[in-house]
Amino acid sequence: MATAKSAKFDIKSYTGFKAITMLCLFVLYAPLVVVTIYSFNSSVSLTNWEGVSFRWYVDVFTGPESGKFKAAALNSLIIAISAATMATAIATLAATGMVRGGKFKLRAVSFGLISLPLMVPEIVTAVATLIFFNAISFERGIMTILLAHTAFCIPFAYLPISARMQGIEDSYEQAAMDLYANKRQAFTKILMPLMMPGIISGFILAFIVSLDDFIITNFVKGAGVETLPTAIFGSVKQGIKPNIMAISTMLLGVSILMVTISYFVSKADNTK
């Protein structure tokens, strides 16, 4: 009886795979390409091309709306750094308990709670957060945005940190304790440095999620408080202007840069 060899599964061999892939890529990235191209259009009109110019990028920093955008960008930066820092710290502690804590009751429930913000629609999270702040009479402002972003960013920081920790054998810590290190020293001197690529990657992802967030921010922000996404939305409601395309392109560039850094950092292997 001949032994049948299982054929290697190759999704690219299916009819229409390339066409569907190209269609999906076009739908996802064509609007971004259009916005980027027209951000360099010297014309005030969004339909007429009059040549390449950086006038709208200059307008972002020196134009009549520059003050508003600078203040919004500063708020976004402060909130994103603060939220990412707190979310990364909490995610690191959670990953340590989940991965190095052994089996314990409600472990699966704990993991589900950590991952819940990823599965729940963001609009639901925004409404629930707003109701919570109103219920406890918490005045909305920078602090409410910071708290909401921190909670929402925890799973984004947790996933790369947890994945990194799972790839580190516990023999390193055991060897350290065999050499008379206590658990705290084994964690801070051995495990933390090995986890650093995952921690940095988690921080960057949390930073990008906070920086780009609009829905939750728009619900929980107070009157007169603006982040860059909400400031862009407010300007778009009055009509799409070329300087908005310039701001969007710069924000897109920052996001791409940070995600790229996160990708390469997460691939670093310090265990060799």
Protein backbone atom coordinates (compact mmCIF):
# COMPACT_ATOMS: atom_id res chain seq x y z
CA MET A 1 0.00 0.00 0.00
CA ALA A 2 1.56 3.28 -1.11
CA THR A 3 1.98 5.97 1.43
CA ALA A 4 0.10 9.09 0.41
CA LYS A 5 2.01 12.31 0.89
CA SER A 6 -0.04 15.20 2.12
CA ALA A 7 0.04 18.12 -0.25
CA LYS A 8 1.43 21.33 1.17
CA PHE A 9 -1.32 23.85 1.74
CA ASP A 10 -0.74 26.92 -0.42
CA ILE A 11 -3.49 29.52 -0.26
CA LYS A 12 -1.90 31.41 -3.16
CA SER A 13 -2.84 28.55 -5.49
CA TYR A 14 -6.57 29.26 -5.12
CA THR A 15 -8.26 30.94 -8.05
CA GLY A 16 -8.80 34.65 -7.48
CA PHE A 17 -6.43 34.92 -4.52
CA LYS A 18 -4.22 37.55 -6.13
CA ALA A 19 -7.20 39.56 -7.41
CA ILE A 20 -8.87 39.60 -3.97
CA THR A 21 -5.59 40.50 -2.30
CA MET A 22 -4.99 43.41 -4.67
CA LEU A 23 -8.57 44.62 -4.18
CA CYS A 24 -8.21 44.57 -0.39
CA LEU A 25 -4.88 46.40 -0.54
CA PHE A 26 -6.39 48.99 -2.89
CA VAL A 27 -9.40 49.63 -0.63
CA LEU A 28 -7.16 49.91 2.45
CA TYR A 29 -4.34 52.03 1.12
CA ALA A 30 -5.65 53.99 -1.88
CA PRO A 31 -7.28 56.68 0.34
CA LEU A 32 -4.04 57.07 2.29
CA VAL A 33 -2.04 57.45 -0.91
CA VAL A 34 -4.50 60.05 -2.25
CA VAL A 35 -4.34 62.09 0.97
CA THR A 36 -0.54 61.93 0.97
CA ILE A 37 -0.24 63.03 -2.67
CA TYR A 38 -2.69 65.92 -2.36
CA SER A 39 -1.00 67.16 0.81
CA PHE A 40 1.79 68.32 -1.53
CA ASN A 41 -0.59 70.09 -3.93
CA SER A 42 0.11 73.83 -4.11
CA SER A 43 -3.52 74.55 -5.03
CA VAL A 44 -6.19 75.50 -2.51
CA SER A 45 -8.63 73.38 -4.49
CA LEU A 46 -8.78 69.69 -3.72
CA THR A 47 -9.61 68.79 -7.31
CA ASN A 48 -7.02 70.84 -9.25
CA TRP A 49 -3.34 69.91 -9.28
CA GLU A 50 -1.08 72.92 -9.62
CA GLY A 51 2.29 71.43 -8.78
CA VAL A 52 4.30 70.14 -5.85
CA SER A 53 4.58 72.42 -2.84
CA PHE A 54 5.21 72.24 0.91
CA ARG A 55 3.01 75.27 1.61
CA TRP A 56 0.41 73.30 3.56
CA TYR A 57 3.04 71.74 5.80
CA VAL A 58 4.34 75.22 6.51
CA ASP A 59 0.75 76.38 7.09
CA VAL A 60 0.33 73.73 9.79
CA PHE A 61 3.09 75.39 11.84
CA THR A 62 2.63 79.04 10.88
CA GLY A 63 -0.94 79.39 9.58
CA PRO A 64 -4.01 80.83 11.36
CA GLU A 65 -4.90 77.42 12.85
CA SER A 66 -1.36 76.55 13.90
CA GLY A 67 -1.95 77.46 17.56
CA LYS A 68 -4.90 75.10 17.82
CA PHE A 69 -3.05 72.22 16.19
CA LYS A 70 0.10 72.75 18.26
CA ALA A 71 -1.89 72.68 21.51
CA ALA A 72 -3.80 69.59 20.38
CA ALA A 73 -0.58 67.84 19.33
CA LEU A 74 0.99 68.62 22.71
CA ASN A 75 -2.04 67.17 24.52
CA SER A 76 -1.89 64.06 22.35
CA LEU A 77 1.81 63.61 23.02
CA ILE A 78 1.49 64.02 26.79
CA ILE A 79 -1.50 61.68 26.99
CA ALA A 80 0.06 59.07 24.71
CA ILE A 81 3.37 58.95 26.61
CA SER A 82 1.64 58.85 30.01
CA ALA A 83 -0.97 56.28 29.00
CA ALA A 84 1.58 54.06 27.27
CA THR A 85 3.88 54.18 30.30
CA MET A 86 1.16 53.21 32.77
CA ALA A 87 -0.34 50.60 30.43
CA THR A 88 3.09 49.03 29.85
CA ALA A 89 3.83 48.87 33.58
CA ILE A 90 0.46 47.22 34.30
CA ALA A 91 0.84 44.88 31.32
CA THR A 92 4.32 43.82 32.49
CA LEU A 93 2.99 42.94 35.94
CA ALA A 94 0.02 41.14 34.41
CA ALA A 95 2.23 39.16 32.03
CA THR A 96 4.53 38.18 34.90
CA GLY A 97 1.59 36.88 36.90
CA MET A 98 -0.01 35.10 33.95
CA VAL A 99 3.12 33.52 32.49
CA ARG A 100 5.35 33.03 35.54
CA GLY A 101 2.60 32.70 38.15
CA GLY A 102 1.81 29.07 37.36
CA LYS A 103 -1.70 27.67 37.37
CA PHE A 104 -4.25 29.46 39.52
CA LYS A 105 -8.00 29.81 39.71
CA LEU A 106 -9.67 32.15 37.24
CA ARG A 107 -6.53 32.27 35.09
CA ALA A 108 -8.59 31.97 31.91
CA VAL A 109 -11.01 34.60 33.19
CA SER A 110 -8.12 36.94 33.95
CA PHE A 111 -6.75 36.54 30.44
CA GLY A 112 -10.23 37.18 29.03
CA LEU A 113 -10.56 40.39 31.04
CA ILE A 114 -7.17 41.61 29.82
CA SER A 115 -8.10 40.87 26.19
CA LEU A 116 -11.65 42.22 26.46
CA PRO A 117 -10.91 45.73 25.08
CA LEU A 118 -9.63 44.08 21.89
CA MET A 119 -12.89 42.23 21.33
CA VAL A 120 -15.44 44.81 22.44
CA PRO A 121 -16.30 47.46 19.81
CA GLU A 122 -14.54 50.69 20.64
CA ILE A 123 -17.79 52.66 20.59
CA VAL A 124 -19.13 50.39 23.36
CA THR A 125 -15.99 51.00 25.42
CA ALA A 126 -16.32 54.74 24.86
CA VAL A 127 -19.96 54.85 25.96
CA ALA A 128 -19.32 52.63 28.99
CA THR A 129 -16.37 54.79 30.05
CA LEU A 130 -18.42 57.96 29.69
CA ILE A 131 -21.26 56.49 31.77
CA PHE A 132 -18.77 55.42 34.45
CA PHE A 133 -17.21 58.89 34.72
CA ASN A 134 -20.64 60.51 34.87
CA ALA A 135 -21.79 58.03 37.52
CA ILE A 136 -18.92 58.92 39.84
CA SER A 137 -19.18 62.64 38.96
CA PHE A 138 -15.63 62.73 37.64
CA GLU A 139 -15.01 65.97 35.79
CA ARG A 140 -14.04 65.33 32.19
CA GLY A 141 -10.74 66.65 30.90
CA ILE A 142 -7.17 65.52 30.32
CA MET A 143 -7.33 63.09 33.25
CA THR A 144 -10.41 61.25 31.97
CA ILE A 145 -8.76 60.82 28.55
CA LEU A 146 -5.58 59.55 30.23
CA LEU A 147 -7.43 57.00 32.38
CA ALA A 148 -9.56 55.78 29.47
CA HIS A 149 -6.52 55.44 27.19
CA THR A 150 -4.55 53.59 29.85
CA ALA A 151 -7.28 51.00 30.29
CA PHE A 152 -7.76 50.63 26.54
CA CYS A 153 -4.03 50.31 25.80
CA ILE A 154 -3.26 47.58 28.36
CA PRO A 155 -4.01 44.61 26.04
CA PHE A 156 -1.98 46.16 23.22
CA ALA A 157 1.03 46.37 25.54
CA TYR A 158 0.31 42.98 27.12
CA LEU A 159 0.40 40.87 23.96
CA PRO A 160 4.03 41.52 22.88
CA ILE A 161 5.26 41.47 26.49
CA SER A 162 3.51 38.17 27.18
CA ALA A 163 4.76 36.67 23.93
CA ARG A 164 8.31 37.69 24.77
CA MET A 165 8.12 36.25 28.28
CA GLN A 166 6.73 32.95 27.01
CA GLY A 167 9.80 32.64 24.79
CA ILE A 168 12.18 32.98 27.77
CA GLU A 169 12.89 29.75 29.63
CA ASP A 170 12.60 29.91 33.40
CA SER A 171 16.00 28.20 33.67
CA TYR A 172 17.64 31.64 33.60
CA GLU A 173 15.87 32.70 36.77
CA GLN A 174 16.47 29.32 38.41
CA ALA A 175 20.17 29.56 37.64
CA ALA A 176 20.27 33.04 39.19
CA MET A 177 18.55 31.82 42.35
CA ASP A 178 20.97 28.87 42.50
CA LEU A 179 23.67 31.53 42.67
CA TYR A 180 21.97 33.04 45.75
CA ALA A 181 19.86 35.69 44.02
CA ASN A 182 16.42 36.23 45.52
CA LYS A 183 13.27 36.33 43.39
CA ARG A 184 13.31 40.10 43.10
CA GLN A 185 16.92 40.12 41.92
CA ALA A 186 16.25 37.30 39.47
CA PHE A 187 13.37 39.32 38.04
CA THR A 188 15.09 42.71 37.84
CA LYS A 189 18.60 41.53 36.88
CA ILE A 190 17.79 38.57 34.63
CA LEU A 191 14.19 38.48 33.42
CA MET A 192 13.63 42.21 32.85
CA PRO A 193 16.62 42.71 30.51
CA LEU A 194 15.55 39.67 28.48
CA MET A 195 12.00 41.00 28.31
CA MET A 196 13.07 44.50 27.24
CA PRO A 197 12.38 44.07 23.48
CA GLY A 198 8.82 42.99 24.30
CA ILE A 199 8.38 45.81 26.79
CA ILE A 200 9.61 48.41 24.30
CA SER A 201 7.42 46.94 21.57
CA GLY A 202 4.40 46.98 23.88
CA PHE A 203 5.08 50.59 24.88
CA ILE A 204 5.32 51.69 21.23
CA LEU A 205 2.09 49.94 20.26
CA ALA A 206 0.26 51.44 23.24
CA PHE A 207 1.69 54.86 22.36
CA ILE A 208 0.42 54.63 18.77
CA VAL A 209 -3.03 53.41 19.83
CA SER A 210 -3.36 56.33 22.26
CA LEU A 211 -1.96 58.89 19.84
CA ASP A 212 -4.35 57.89 17.03
CA ASP A 213 -7.47 57.27 19.11
CA PHE A 214 -10.51 59.36 18.28
CA ILE A 215 -13.70 57.57 19.37
CA ILE A 216 -12.92 57.12 23.08
CA THR A 217 -11.26 60.53 23.27
CA ASN A 218 -14.23 62.26 21.68
CA PHE A 219 -16.59 60.77 24.27
CA VAL A 220 -14.59 61.36 27.45
CA LYS A 221 -12.81 64.65 26.72
CA GLY A 222 -14.01 67.77 28.43
CA ALA A 223 -15.11 71.04 26.89
CA GLY A 224 -12.19 72.93 25.37
CA VAL A 225 -9.84 69.93 25.56
CA GLU A 226 -8.64 68.71 22.19
CA THR A 227 -6.23 66.06 20.98
CA LEU A 228 -4.88 65.99 17.45
CA PRO A 229 -7.48 63.50 16.10
CA THR A 230 -10.39 65.47 17.61
CA ALA A 231 -8.93 68.77 16.36
CA ILE A 232 -8.68 67.29 12.86
CA PHE A 233 -12.28 66.09 13.08
CA GLY A 234 -13.45 69.53 14.19
CA SER A 235 -11.72 71.17 11.22
CA VAL A 236 -13.07 68.59 8.76
CA LYS A 237 -16.63 69.38 9.83
CA GLN A 238 -16.08 72.89 8.48
CA GLY A 239 -14.77 71.51 5.20
CA ILE A 240 -11.73 69.53 4.11
CA LYS A 241 -8.75 71.83 3.77
CA PRO A 242 -5.31 71.01 2.33
CA ASN A 243 -3.62 71.63 5.68
CA ILE A 244 -5.72 68.82 7.16
CA MET A 245 -4.21 66.48 4.57
CA ALA A 246 -0.74 67.63 5.60
CA ILE A 247 -1.46 66.96 9.29
CA SER A 248 -2.97 63.57 8.46
CA THR A 249 0.07 62.64 6.40
CA MET A 250 2.45 63.59 9.21
CA LEU A 251 0.38 61.62 11.72
CA LEU A 252 0.38 58.66 9.36
CA GLY A 253 4.14 58.93 8.97
CA VAL A 254 4.66 58.92 12.73
CA SER A 255 2.43 55.87 13.10
CA ILE A 256 4.24 53.96 10.35
CA LEU A 257 7.63 54.84 11.84
CA MET A 258 6.66 53.74 15.35
CA VAL A 259 5.06 50.50 14.19
CA THR A 260 8.16 49.72 12.12
CA ILE A 261 10.39 50.32 15.13
CA SER A 262 8.10 48.12 17.23
CA TYR A 263 8.33 45.34 14.66
CA PHE A 264 12.12 45.32 14.55
CA VAL A 265 12.46 45.66 18.31
CA SER A 266 10.10 42.71 18.84
CA LYS A 267 12.32 40.61 16.55
CA ALA A 268 15.42 41.31 18.62
CA ASP A 269 16.68 38.29 20.46
CA ASN A 270 18.75 39.02 23.54
CA THR A 271 18.68 35.41 24.74
CA LYS A 272 21.47 34.33 22.41
